[in-house]
PDB file of N, CA and C in Angstrom:
ATOM      1  N   UNK A   1      99.843 -64.034 -74.444  1.00  0.00           N
ATOM      2  CA  UNK A   1      99.459 -64.669 -75.696  1.00  0.00           C
ATOM      3  C   UNK A   1      98.369 -63.841 -76.353  1.00  0.00           C
ATOM      4  N   UNK A   2      98.511 -63.606 -77.637  1.00  0.00           N
ATOM      5  CA  UNK A   2      97.525 -62.817 -78.368  1.00  0.00           C
ATOM      6  C   UNK A   2      96.226 -63.594 -78.517  1.00  0.00           C
ATOM      7  N   UNK A   3      95.120 -62.859 -78.482  1.00  0.00           N
ATOM      8  CA  UNK A   3      93.796 -63.461 -78.642  1.00  0.00           C
ATOM      9  C   UNK A   3      93.703 -64.225 -79.947  1.00  0.00           C
ATOM     10  N   UNK A   4      94.256 -63.686 -81.013  1.00  0.00           N
ATOM     11  CA  UNK A   4      94.183 -64.326 -82.324  1.00  0.00           C
ATOM     12  C   UNK A   4      94.720 -65.753 -82.262  1.00  0.00           C
ATOM     13  N   UNK A   5      95.799 -65.974 -81.546  1.00  0.00           N
ATOM     14  CA  UNK A   5      96.375 -67.315 -81.447  1.00  0.00           C
ATOM     15  C   UNK A   5      95.474 -68.259 -80.665  1.00  0.00           C
ATOM     16  N   UNK A   6      94.814 -67.763 -79.631  1.00  0.00           N
ATOM     17  CA  UNK A   6      93.885 -68.606 -78.882  1.00  0.00           C
ATOM     18  C   UNK A   6      92.693 -68.984 -79.746  1.00  0.00           C
ATOM     19  N   UNK A   7      92.186 -68.037 -80.514  1.00  0.00           N
ATOM     20  CA  UNK A   7      91.045 -68.331 -81.385  1.00  0.00           C
ATOM     21  C   UNK A   7      91.430 -69.370 -82.420  1.00  0.00           C
ATOM     22  N   UNK A   8      92.629 -69.286 -82.965  1.00  0.00           N
ATOM     23  CA  UNK A   8      93.089 -70.310 -83.907  1.00  0.00           C
ATOM     24  C   UNK A   8      93.144 -71.673 -83.229  1.00  0.00           C
ATOM     25  N   UNK A   9      93.591 -71.705 -81.974  1.00  0.00           N
ATOM     26  CA  UNK A   9      93.643 -72.963 -81.243  1.00  0.00           C
ATOM     27  C   UNK A   9      92.267 -73.559 -81.039  1.00  0.00           C
ATOM     28  N   UNK A  10      91.306 -72.732 -80.708  1.00  0.00           N
ATOM     29  CA  UNK A  10      89.937 -73.218 -80.550  1.00  0.00           C
ATOM     30  C   UNK A  10      89.400 -73.681 -81.889  1.00  0.00           C
ATOM     31  N   UNK A  11      89.702 -72.962 -82.948  1.00  0.00           N
ATOM     32  CA  UNK A  11      89.241 -73.379 -84.274  1.00  0.00           C
ATOM     33  C   UNK A  11      89.791 -74.756 -84.617  1.00  0.00           C
ATOM     34  N   UNK A  12      91.030 -75.038 -84.260  1.00  0.00           N
ATOM     35  CA  UNK A  12      91.590 -76.363 -84.497  1.00  0.00           C
ATOM     36  C   UNK A  12      90.849 -77.413 -83.683  1.00  0.00           C
ATOM     37  N   UNK A  13      90.518 -77.108 -82.440  1.00  0.00           N
ATOM     38  CA  UNK A  13      89.757 -78.049 -81.623  1.00  0.00           C
ATOM     39  C   UNK A  13      88.393 -78.313 -82.231  1.00  0.00           C
ATOM     40  N   UNK A  14      87.747 -77.266 -82.720  1.00  0.00           N
ATOM     41  CA  UNK A  14      86.434 -77.435 -83.320  1.00  0.00           C
ATOM     42  C   UNK A  14      86.537 -78.221 -84.622  1.00  0.00           C
ATOM     43  N   UNK A  15      87.636 -78.056 -85.350  1.00  0.00           N
ATOM     44  CA  UNK A  15      87.843 -78.864 -86.558  1.00  0.00           C
ATOM     45  C   UNK A  15      87.942 -80.335 -86.168  1.00  0.00           C
ATOM     46  N   UNK A  16      88.659 -80.626 -85.088  1.00  0.00           N
ATOM     47  CA  UNK A  16      88.727 -82.001 -84.594  1.00  0.00           C
ATOM     48  C   UNK A  16      87.333 -82.507 -84.250  1.00  0.00           C
ATOM     49  N   UNK A  17      86.534 -81.651 -83.619  1.00  0.00           N
ATOM     50  CA  UNK A  17      85.165 -82.038 -83.279  1.00  0.00           C
ATOM     51  C   UNK A  17      84.396 -82.413 -84.545  1.00  0.00           C
ATOM     52  N   UNK A  18      84.499 -81.581 -85.580  1.00  0.00           N
ATOM     53  CA  UNK A  18      83.794 -81.870 -86.834  1.00  0.00           C
ATOM     54  C   UNK A  18      84.271 -83.177 -87.446  1.00  0.00           C
ATOM     55  N   UNK A  19      85.568 -83.442 -87.385  1.00  0.00           N
ATOM     56  CA  UNK A  19      86.122 -84.648 -88.004  1.00  0.00           C
ATOM     57  C   UNK A  19      85.719 -85.923 -87.276  1.00  0.00           C
ATOM     58  N   UNK A  20      85.569 -85.856 -85.957  1.00  0.00           N
ATOM     59  CA  UNK A  20      85.371 -87.075 -85.181  1.00  0.00           C
ATOM     60  C   UNK A  20      83.983 -87.205 -84.555  1.00  0.00           C
ATOM     61  N   UNK A  21      83.131 -86.237 -84.799  1.00  0.00           N
ATOM     62  CA  UNK A  21      81.793 -86.291 -84.220  1.00  0.00           C
ATOM     63  C   UNK A  21      80.997 -87.413 -84.864  1.00  0.00           C
ATOM     64  N   UNK A  22      80.365 -88.223 -84.027  1.00  0.00           N
ATOM     65  CA  UNK A  22      79.534 -89.298 -84.570  1.00  0.00           C
ATOM     66  C   UNK A  22      78.055 -88.971 -84.445  1.00  0.00           C
ATOM     67  N   UNK A  23      77.740 -87.733 -84.055  1.00  0.00           N
ATOM     68  CA  UNK A  23      76.337 -87.354 -83.886  1.00  0.00           C
ATOM     69  C   UNK A  23      75.853 -86.431 -84.993  1.00  0.00           C
ATOM     70  N   UNK A  24      76.646 -86.232 -86.022  1.00  0.00           N
ATOM     71  CA  UNK A  24      76.252 -85.372 -87.122  1.00  0.00           C
ATOM     72  C   UNK A  24      76.375 -83.896 -86.810  1.00  0.00           C
ATOM     73  N   UNK A  25      77.024 -83.562 -85.696  1.00  0.00           N
ATOM     74  CA  UNK A  25      77.168 -82.163 -85.318  1.00  0.00           C
ATOM     75  C   UNK A  25      78.120 -81.414 -86.231  1.00  0.00           C
ATOM     76  N   UNK A  26      77.924 -80.114 -86.282  1.00  0.00           N
ATOM     77  CA  UNK A  26      78.803 -79.245 -87.052  1.00  0.00           C
ATOM     78  C   UNK A  26      79.185 -78.065 -86.174  1.00  0.00           C
ATOM     79  N   UNK A  27      80.388 -77.570 -86.351  1.00  0.00           N
ATOM     80  CA  UNK A  27      80.844 -76.421 -85.577  1.00  0.00           C
ATOM     81  C   UNK A  27      81.620 -75.485 -86.482  1.00  0.00           C
ATOM     82  N   UNK A  28      81.554 -74.205 -86.162  1.00  0.00           N
ATOM     83  CA  UNK A  28      82.316 -73.235 -86.927  1.00  0.00           C
ATOM     84  C   UNK A  28      82.400 -71.911 -86.192  1.00  0.00           C
ATOM     85  N   UNK A  29      83.307 -71.075 -86.651  1.00  0.00           N
ATOM     86  CA  UNK A  29      83.480 -69.762 -86.044  1.00  0.00           C
ATOM     87  C   UNK A  29      82.310 -68.873 -86.444  1.00  0.00           C
ATOM     88  N   UNK A  30      81.728 -68.211 -85.454  1.00  0.00           N
ATOM     89  CA  UNK A  30      80.596 -67.325 -85.697  1.00  0.00           C
ATOM     90  C   UNK A  30      81.101 -65.901 -85.853  1.00  0.00           C
ATOM     91  N   UNK A  31      81.793 -65.384 -84.845  1.00  0.00           N
ATOM     92  CA  UNK A  31      82.401 -64.054 -84.928  1.00  0.00           C
ATOM     93  C   UNK A  31      83.355 -63.891 -83.759  1.00  0.00           C
ATOM     94  N   UNK A  32      84.421 -63.157 -83.981  1.00  0.00           N
ATOM     95  CA  UNK A  32      85.368 -62.903 -82.904  1.00  0.00           C
ATOM     96  C   UNK A  32      85.769 -64.171 -82.195  1.00  0.00           C
ATOM     97  N   UNK A  33      85.470 -64.232 -80.905  1.00  0.00           N
ATOM     98  CA  UNK A  33      85.772 -65.411 -80.091  1.00  0.00           C
ATOM     99  C   UNK A  33      84.598 -66.372 -80.018  1.00  0.00           C
ATOM    100  N   UNK A  34      83.547 -66.132 -80.776  1.00  0.00           N
ATOM    101  CA  UNK A  34      82.341 -66.950 -80.664  1.00  0.00           C
ATOM    102  C   UNK A  34      82.266 -67.990 -81.773  1.00  0.00           C
ATOM    103  N   UNK A  35      81.822 -69.169 -81.362  1.00  0.00           N
ATOM    104  CA  UNK A  35      81.635 -70.286 -82.281  1.00  0.00           C
ATOM    105  C   UNK A  35      80.196 -70.753 -82.174  1.00  0.00           C
ATOM    106  N   UNK A  36      79.726 -71.404 -83.205  1.00  0.00           N
ATOM    107  CA  UNK A  36      78.376 -71.958 -83.180  1.00  0.00           C
ATOM    108  C   UNK A  36      78.486 -73.457 -83.432  1.00  0.00           C
ATOM    109  N   UNK A  37      77.736 -74.229 -82.663  1.00  0.00           N
ATOM    110  CA  UNK A  37      77.735 -75.682 -82.807  1.00  0.00           C
ATOM    111  C   UNK A  37      76.290 -76.118 -83.020  1.00  0.00           C
ATOM    112  N   UNK A  38      76.074 -76.971 -84.010  1.00  0.00           N
ATOM    113  CA  UNK A  38      74.735 -77.469 -84.305  1.00  0.00           C
ATOM    114  C   UNK A  38      74.720 -78.975 -84.106  1.00  0.00           C
ATOM    115  N   UNK A  39      73.799 -79.433 -83.272  1.00  0.00           N
ATOM    116  CA  UNK A  39      73.584 -80.861 -83.052  1.00  0.00           C
ATOM    117  C   UNK A  39      72.202 -81.213 -83.587  1.00  0.00           C
ATOM    118  N   UNK A  40      72.100 -81.821 -84.754  1.00  0.00           N
ATOM    119  CA  UNK A  40      70.779 -82.174 -85.273  1.00  0.00           C
ATOM    120  C   UNK A  40      70.225 -83.423 -84.587  1.00  0.00           C
ATOM    121  N   UNK A  41      68.929 -83.496 -84.537  1.00  0.00           N
ATOM    122  CA  UNK A  41      68.222 -84.703 -84.092  1.00  0.00           C
ATOM    123  C   UNK A  41      68.588 -85.162 -82.684  1.00  0.00           C
ATOM    124  N   UNK A  42      68.735 -84.227 -81.766  1.00  0.00           N
ATOM    125  CA  UNK A  42      68.979 -84.576 -80.372  1.00  0.00           C
ATOM    126  C   UNK A  42      67.626 -84.842 -79.722  1.00  0.00           C
ATOM    127  N   UNK A  43      67.523 -85.964 -79.017  1.00  0.00           N
ATOM    128  CA  UNK A  43      66.226 -86.421 -78.514  1.00  0.00           C
ATOM    129  C   UNK A  43      65.683 -85.628 -77.332  1.00  0.00           C
ATOM    130  N   UNK A  44      66.546 -85.208 -76.408  1.00  0.00           N
ATOM    131  CA  UNK A  44      66.036 -84.521 -75.220  1.00  0.00           C
ATOM    132  C   UNK A  44      67.113 -83.629 -74.622  1.00  0.00           C
ATOM    133  N   UNK A  45      66.712 -82.845 -73.597  1.00  0.00           N
ATOM    134  CA  UNK A  45      67.635 -81.906 -72.961  1.00  0.00           C
ATOM    135  C   UNK A  45      68.850 -82.597 -72.365  1.00  0.00           C
ATOM    136  N   UNK A  46      68.665 -83.786 -71.801  1.00  0.00           N
ATOM    137  CA  UNK A  46      69.790 -84.508 -71.196  1.00  0.00           C
ATOM    138  C   UNK A  46      70.843 -84.822 -72.256  1.00  0.00           C
ATOM    139  N   UNK A  47      70.419 -85.335 -73.396  1.00  0.00           N
ATOM    140  CA  UNK A  47      71.373 -85.637 -74.469  1.00  0.00           C
ATOM    141  C   UNK A  47      72.021 -84.372 -75.009  1.00  0.00           C
ATOM    142  N   UNK A  48      71.242 -83.303 -75.129  1.00  0.00           N
ATOM    143  CA  UNK A  48      71.780 -82.034 -75.610  1.00  0.00           C
ATOM    144  C   UNK A  48      72.845 -81.516 -74.654  1.00  0.00           C
ATOM    145  N   UNK A  49      72.555 -81.561 -73.354  1.00  0.00           N
ATOM    146  CA  UNK A  49      73.523 -81.119 -72.355  1.00  0.00           C
ATOM    147  C   UNK A  49      74.792 -81.969 -72.423  1.00  0.00           C
ATOM    148  N   UNK A  50      74.641 -83.283 -72.532  1.00  0.00           N
ATOM    149  CA  UNK A  50      75.808 -84.175 -72.592  1.00  0.00           C
ATOM    150  C   UNK A  50      76.672 -83.878 -73.815  1.00  0.00           C
ATOM    151  N   UNK A  51      76.062 -83.614 -74.959  1.00  0.00           N
ATOM    152  CA  UNK A  51      76.829 -83.265 -76.157  1.00  0.00           C
ATOM    153  C   UNK A  51      77.569 -81.948 -75.968  1.00  0.00           C
ATOM    154  N   UNK A  52      76.893 -80.972 -75.383  1.00  0.00           N
ATOM    155  CA  UNK A  52      77.529 -79.680 -75.134  1.00  0.00           C
ATOM    156  C   UNK A  52      78.672 -79.821 -74.137  1.00  0.00           C
ATOM    157  N   UNK A  53      78.476 -80.614 -73.104  1.00  0.00           N
ATOM    158  CA  UNK A  53      79.522 -80.826 -72.098  1.00  0.00           C
ATOM    159  C   UNK A  53      80.726 -81.540 -72.715  1.00  0.00           C
ATOM    160  N   UNK A  54      80.487 -82.504 -73.597  1.00  0.00           N
ATOM    161  CA  UNK A  54      81.609 -83.160 -74.290  1.00  0.00           C
ATOM    162  C   UNK A  54      82.375 -82.165 -75.149  1.00  0.00           C
ATOM    163  N   UNK A  55      81.657 -81.261 -75.793  1.00  0.00           N
ATOM    164  CA  UNK A  55      82.303 -80.227 -76.600  1.00  0.00           C
ATOM    165  C   UNK A  55      83.150 -79.324 -75.716  1.00  0.00           C
ATOM    166  N   UNK A  56      82.597 -78.917 -74.574  1.00  0.00           N
ATOM    167  CA  UNK A  56      83.336 -78.068 -73.637  1.00  0.00           C
ATOM    168  C   UNK A  56      84.609 -78.763 -73.166  1.00  0.00           C
ATOM    169  N   UNK A  57      84.485 -80.042 -72.832  1.00  0.00           N
ATOM    170  CA  UNK A  57      85.643 -80.796 -72.353  1.00  0.00           C
ATOM    171  C   UNK A  57      86.668 -81.018 -73.467  1.00  0.00           C
ATOM    172  N   UNK A  58      86.214 -81.204 -74.696  1.00  0.00           N
ATOM    173  CA  UNK A  58      87.128 -81.351 -75.824  1.00  0.00           C
ATOM    174  C   UNK A  58      88.022 -80.128 -75.939  1.00  0.00           C
ATOM    175  N   UNK A  59      87.426 -78.954 -75.805  1.00  0.00           N
ATOM    176  CA  UNK A  59      88.203 -77.718 -75.890  1.00  0.00           C
ATOM    177  C   UNK A  59      89.111 -77.575 -74.680  1.00  0.00           C
ATOM    178  N   UNK A  60      88.580 -77.804 -73.487  1.00  0.00           N
ATOM    179  CA  UNK A  60      89.369 -77.663 -72.259  1.00  0.00           C
ATOM    180  C   UNK A  60      90.566 -78.615 -72.240  1.00  0.00           C
ATOM    181  N   UNK A  61      90.398 -79.819 -72.754  1.00  0.00           N
ATOM    182  CA  UNK A  61      91.456 -80.829 -72.707  1.00  0.00           C
ATOM    183  C   UNK A  61      92.367 -80.833 -73.924  1.00  0.00           C
ATOM    184  N   UNK A  62      92.134 -79.918 -74.847  1.00  0.00           N
ATOM    185  CA  UNK A  62      92.984 -79.853 -76.034  1.00  0.00           C
ATOM    186  C   UNK A  62      94.390 -79.428 -75.650  1.00  0.00           C
ATOM    187  N   UNK A  63      95.340 -80.016 -76.308  1.00  0.00           N
ATOM    188  CA  UNK A  63      96.739 -79.656 -76.099  1.00  0.00           C
ATOM    189  C   UNK A  63      97.118 -78.655 -77.182  1.00  0.00           C
ATOM    190  N   UNK A  64      97.132 -77.390 -76.801  1.00  0.00           N
ATOM    191  CA  UNK A  64      97.433 -76.333 -77.758  1.00  0.00           C
ATOM    192  C   UNK A  64      98.766 -75.700 -77.408  1.00  0.00           C
ATOM    193  N   UNK A  65      99.614 -75.553 -78.414  1.00  0.00           N
ATOM    194  CA  UNK A  65     100.930 -74.958 -78.190  1.00  0.00           C
ATOM    195  C   UNK A  65     101.177 -73.875 -79.220  1.00  0.00           C
ATOM    196  N   UNK A  66     101.855 -72.823 -78.786  1.00  0.00           N
ATOM    197  CA  UNK A  66     102.343 -71.774 -79.669  1.00  0.00           C
ATOM    198  C   UNK A  66     103.820 -71.634 -79.361  1.00  0.00           C
ATOM    199  N   UNK A  67     104.657 -72.201 -80.235  1.00  0.00           N
ATOM    200  CA  UNK A  67     106.085 -72.233 -79.955  1.00  0.00           C
ATOM    201  C   UNK A  67     106.339 -73.090 -78.734  1.00  0.00           C
ATOM    202  N   UNK A  68     106.981 -72.521 -77.719  1.00  0.00           N
ATOM    203  CA  UNK A  68     107.255 -73.248 -76.480  1.00  0.00           C
ATOM    204  C   UNK A  68     106.167 -73.045 -75.431  1.00  0.00           C
ATOM    205  N   UNK A  69     105.188 -72.232 -75.756  1.00  0.00           N
ATOM    206  CA  UNK A  69     104.158 -71.877 -74.778  1.00  0.00           C
ATOM    207  C   UNK A  69     102.907 -72.740 -74.938  1.00  0.00           C
ATOM    208  N   UNK A  70     102.405 -73.258 -73.811  1.00  0.00           N
ATOM    209  CA  UNK A  70     101.133 -73.982 -73.806  1.00  0.00           C
ATOM    210  C   UNK A  70      99.994 -72.983 -73.678  1.00  0.00           C
ATOM    211  N   UNK A  71      98.929 -73.225 -74.424  1.00  0.00           N
ATOM    212  CA  UNK A  71      97.749 -72.377 -74.341  1.00  0.00           C
ATOM    213  C   UNK A  71      96.661 -73.114 -73.570  1.00  0.00           C
ATOM    214  N   UNK A  72      96.127 -72.479 -72.564  1.00  0.00           N
ATOM    215  CA  UNK A  72      94.993 -73.027 -71.832  1.00  0.00           C
ATOM    216  C   UNK A  72      93.743 -72.326 -72.329  1.00  0.00           C
ATOM    217  N   UNK A  73      92.855 -73.079 -72.927  1.00  0.00           N
ATOM    218  CA  UNK A  73      91.639 -72.510 -73.500  1.00  0.00           C
ATOM    219  C   UNK A  73      90.438 -73.199 -72.871  1.00  0.00           C
ATOM    220  N   UNK A  74      89.478 -72.412 -72.456  1.00  0.00           N
ATOM    221  CA  UNK A  74      88.212 -72.941 -71.960  1.00  0.00           C
ATOM    222  C   UNK A  74      87.087 -72.264 -72.736  1.00  0.00           C
ATOM    223  N   UNK A  75      85.870 -72.708 -72.494  1.00  0.00           N
ATOM    224  CA  UNK A  75      84.742 -72.074 -73.175  1.00  0.00           C
ATOM    225  C   UNK A  75      83.522 -72.055 -72.272  1.00  0.00           C
ATOM    226  N   UNK A  76      82.703 -71.064 -72.491  1.00  0.00           N
ATOM    227  CA  UNK A  76      81.413 -70.935 -71.821  1.00  0.00           C
ATOM    228  C   UNK A  76      80.352 -71.114 -72.891  1.00  0.00           C
ATOM    229  N   UNK A  77      79.436 -72.056 -72.663  1.00  0.00           N
ATOM    230  CA  UNK A  77      78.457 -72.398 -73.690  1.00  0.00           C
ATOM    231  C   UNK A  77      77.040 -72.044 -73.266  1.00  0.00           C
ATOM    232  N   UNK A  78      76.299 -71.490 -74.209  1.00  0.00           N
ATOM    233  CA  UNK A  78      74.862 -71.293 -74.071  1.00  0.00           C
ATOM    234  C   UNK A  78      74.189 -72.241 -75.040  1.00  0.00           C
ATOM    235  N   UNK A  79      73.319 -73.100 -74.535  1.00  0.00           N
ATOM    236  CA  UNK A  79      72.750 -74.178 -75.347  1.00  0.00           C
ATOM    237  C   UNK A  79      71.226 -74.104 -75.296  1.00  0.00           C
ATOM    238  N   UNK A  80      70.610 -74.209 -76.456  1.00  0.00           N
ATOM    239  CA  UNK A  80      69.156 -74.184 -76.527  1.00  0.00           C
ATOM    240  C   UNK A  80      68.671 -75.021 -77.697  1.00  0.00           C
ATOM    241  N   UNK A  81      67.419 -75.411 -77.627  1.00  0.00           N
ATOM    242  CA  UNK A  81      66.804 -76.151 -78.721  1.00  0.00           C
ATOM    243  C   UNK A  81      66.028 -75.187 -79.615  1.00  0.00           C
ATOM    244  N   UNK A  82      65.843 -75.585 -80.851  1.00  0.00           N
ATOM    245  CA  UNK A  82      65.018 -74.804 -81.763  1.00  0.00           C
ATOM    246  C   UNK A  82      63.561 -74.945 -81.340  1.00  0.00           C
ATOM    247  N   UNK A  83      62.874 -73.817 -81.269  1.00  0.00           N
ATOM    248  CA  UNK A  83      61.447 -73.800 -80.955  1.00  0.00           C
ATOM    249  C   UNK A  83      60.666 -73.483 -82.227  1.00  0.00           C
ATOM    250  N   UNK A  84      59.417 -73.928 -82.290  1.00  0.00           N
ATOM    251  CA  UNK A  84      58.600 -73.704 -83.489  1.00  0.00           C
ATOM    252  C   UNK A  84      58.555 -72.237 -83.891  1.00  0.00           C
ATOM    253  N   UNK A  85      58.502 -71.356 -82.913  1.00  0.00           N
ATOM    254  CA  UNK A  85      58.372 -69.922 -83.186  1.00  0.00           C
ATOM    255  C   UNK A  85      59.703 -69.245 -83.511  1.00  0.00           C
ATOM    256  N   UNK A  86      60.813 -69.972 -83.435  1.00  0.00           N
ATOM    257  CA  UNK A  86      62.134 -69.370 -83.632  1.00  0.00           C
ATOM    258  C   UNK A  86      62.388 -68.939 -85.064  1.00  0.00           C
ATOM    259  N   UNK A  87      63.112 -67.843 -85.150  1.00  0.00           N
ATOM    260  CA  UNK A  87      63.820 -67.488 -86.375  1.00  0.00           C
ATOM    261  C   UNK A  87      65.282 -67.761 -86.066  1.00  0.00           C
ATOM    262  N   UNK A  88      66.135 -67.704 -87.052  1.00  0.00           N
ATOM    263  CA  UNK A  88      67.565 -67.902 -86.782  1.00  0.00           C
ATOM    264  C   UNK A  88      68.059 -66.838 -85.801  1.00  0.00           C
ATOM    265  N   UNK A  89      67.510 -65.626 -85.922  1.00  0.00           N
ATOM    266  CA  UNK A  89      67.926 -64.532 -85.039  1.00  0.00           C
ATOM    267  C   UNK A  89      67.528 -64.793 -83.587  1.00  0.00           C
ATOM    268  N   UNK A  90      66.288 -65.252 -83.352  1.00  0.00           N
ATOM    269  CA  UNK A  90      65.857 -65.492 -81.967  1.00  0.00           C
ATOM    270  C   UNK A  90      66.586 -66.683 -81.356  1.00  0.00           C
ATOM    271  N   UNK A  91      66.862 -67.683 -82.160  1.00  0.00           N
ATOM    272  CA  UNK A  91      67.598 -68.854 -81.678  1.00  0.00           C
ATOM    273  C   UNK A  91      69.007 -68.463 -81.244  1.00  0.00           C
ATOM    274  N   UNK A  92      69.706 -67.726 -82.087  1.00  0.00           N
ATOM    275  CA  UNK A  92      71.082 -67.330 -81.770  1.00  0.00           C
ATOM    276  C   UNK A  92      71.103 -66.339 -80.615  1.00  0.00           C
ATOM    277  N   UNK A  93      70.140 -65.431 -80.563  1.00  0.00           N
ATOM    278  CA  UNK A  93      70.079 -64.477 -79.447  1.00  0.00           C
ATOM    279  C   UNK A  93      69.914 -65.214 -78.121  1.00  0.00           C
ATOM    280  N   UNK A  94      69.037 -66.205 -78.084  1.00  0.00           N
ATOM    281  CA  UNK A  94      68.809 -66.968 -76.850  1.00  0.00           C
ATOM    282  C   UNK A  94      70.080 -67.732 -76.442  1.00  0.00           C
ATOM    283  N   UNK A  95      70.722 -68.380 -77.394  1.00  0.00           N
ATOM    284  CA  UNK A  95      71.967 -69.100 -77.097  1.00  0.00           C
ATOM    285  C   UNK A  95      73.038 -68.131 -76.607  1.00  0.00           C
ATOM    286  N   UNK A  96      73.110 -66.947 -77.210  1.00  0.00           N
ATOM    287  CA  UNK A  96      74.088 -65.935 -76.815  1.00  0.00           C
ATOM    288  C   UNK A  96      73.829 -65.469 -75.381  1.00  0.00           C
ATOM    289  N   UNK A  97      72.573 -65.227 -75.038  1.00  0.00           N
ATOM    290  CA  UNK A  97      72.229 -64.820 -73.671  1.00  0.00           C
ATOM    291  C   UNK A  97      72.593 -65.909 -72.665  1.00  0.00           C
ATOM    292  N   UNK A  98      72.361 -67.154 -73.022  1.00  0.00           N
ATOM    293  CA  UNK A  98      72.729 -68.271 -72.144  1.00  0.00           C
ATOM    294  C   UNK A  98      74.244 -68.381 -71.989  1.00  0.00           C
ATOM    295  N   UNK A  99      74.984 -68.100 -73.066  1.00  0.00           N
ATOM    296  CA  UNK A  99      76.444 -68.117 -72.977  1.00  0.00           C
ATOM    297  C   UNK A  99      76.921 -67.065 -71.977  1.00  0.00           C
ATOM    298  N   UNK A 100      76.321 -65.877 -72.013  1.00  0.00           N
ATOM    299  CA  UNK A 100      76.724 -64.832 -71.074  1.00  0.00           C
ATOM    300  C   UNK A 100      76.368 -65.206 -69.636  1.00  0.00           C
ATOM    301  N   UNK A 101      75.312 -65.974 -69.438  1.00  0.00           N
ATOM    302  CA  UNK A 101      75.006 -66.495 -68.100  1.00  0.00           C
ATOM    303  C   UNK A 101      76.120 -67.446 -67.660  1.00  0.00           C
ATOM    304  N   UNK A 102      76.589 -68.304 -68.568  1.00  0.00           N
ATOM    305  CA  UNK A 102      77.714 -69.199 -68.240  1.00  0.00           C
ATOM    306  C   UNK A 102      78.935 -68.399 -67.825  1.00  0.00           C
ATOM    307  N   UNK A 103      79.227 -67.335 -68.546  1.00  0.00           N
ATOM    308  CA  UNK A 103      80.387 -66.499 -68.210  1.00  0.00           C
ATOM    309  C   UNK A 103      80.199 -65.822 -66.856  1.00  0.00           C
ATOM    310  N   UNK A 104      79.003 -65.305 -66.615  1.00  0.00           N
ATOM    311  CA  UNK A 104      78.742 -64.547 -65.388  1.00  0.00           C
ATOM    312  C   UNK A 104      78.689 -65.426 -64.144  1.00  0.00           C
ATOM    313  N   UNK A 105      78.456 -66.711 -64.330  1.00  0.00           N
ATOM    314  CA  UNK A 105      78.305 -67.603 -63.167  1.00  0.00           C
ATOM    315  C   UNK A 105      79.474 -68.571 -63.012  1.00  0.00           C
ATOM    316  N   UNK A 106      80.628 -68.204 -63.540  1.00  0.00           N
ATOM    317  CA  UNK A 106      81.811 -68.993 -63.268  1.00  0.00           C
ATOM    318  C   UNK A 106      82.658 -69.389 -64.458  1.00  0.00           C
ATOM    319  N   UNK A 107      82.183 -69.212 -65.655  1.00  0.00           N
ATOM    320  CA  UNK A 107      82.938 -69.536 -66.874  1.00  0.00           C
ATOM    321  C   UNK A 107      83.219 -71.032 -67.006  1.00  0.00           C
ATOM    322  N   UNK A 108      83.629 -71.418 -68.204  1.00  0.00           N
ATOM    323  CA  UNK A 108      83.983 -72.807 -68.515  1.00  0.00           C
ATOM    324  C   UNK A 108      82.872 -73.771 -68.095  1.00  0.00           C
ATOM    325  N   UNK A 109      81.659 -73.466 -68.525  1.00  0.00           N
ATOM    326  CA  UNK A 109      80.515 -74.301 -68.173  1.00  0.00           C
ATOM    327  C   UNK A 109      79.456 -74.230 -69.258  1.00  0.00           C
ATOM    328  N   UNK A 110      78.468 -75.082 -69.143  1.00  0.00           N
ATOM    329  CA  UNK A 110      77.343 -75.149 -70.073  1.00  0.00           C
ATOM    330  C   UNK A 110      76.094 -74.652 -69.358  1.00  0.00           C
ATOM    331  N   UNK A 111      75.365 -73.741 -70.000  1.00  0.00           N
ATOM    332  CA  UNK A 111      74.062 -73.310 -69.498  1.00  0.00           C
ATOM    333  C   UNK A 111      73.024 -73.676 -70.546  1.00  0.00           C
ATOM    334  N   UNK A 112      72.054 -74.462 -70.134  1.00  0.00           N
ATOM    335  CA  UNK A 112      70.998 -74.949 -71.023  1.00  0.00           C
ATOM    336  C   UNK A 112      69.717 -74.175 -70.746  1.00  0.00           C
ATOM    337  N   UNK A 113      69.036 -73.761 -71.796  1.00  0.00           N
ATOM    338  CA  UNK A 113      67.782 -73.036 -71.575  1.00  0.00           C
ATOM    339  C   UNK A 113      66.887 -73.023 -72.779  1.00  0.00           C
TER     340      UNK A 113
END
């Protein structure tokens, strides 16, 4: 299966997330295979982790098909909160580094930092 088709499948899952999210979250394609998800007004790390884990499970449990072929899609997430000293660049860099930790330590998981 071509990567492009898998990315389209994930984009559809993220569209579902945007349509049905009751926490005001937004998601969109960032670049290539990367997506960015924003959860505003999350009270603590536990709630942030739970939201990220629900997002991961939404993608993992999505029923994606291309013709007669089923697509199995998973995701590795790097999750962080905005800090007072953050710029958009430092925030995204930190989340990106955490995502690579998720990939390096088993994939299809959430790493919070």
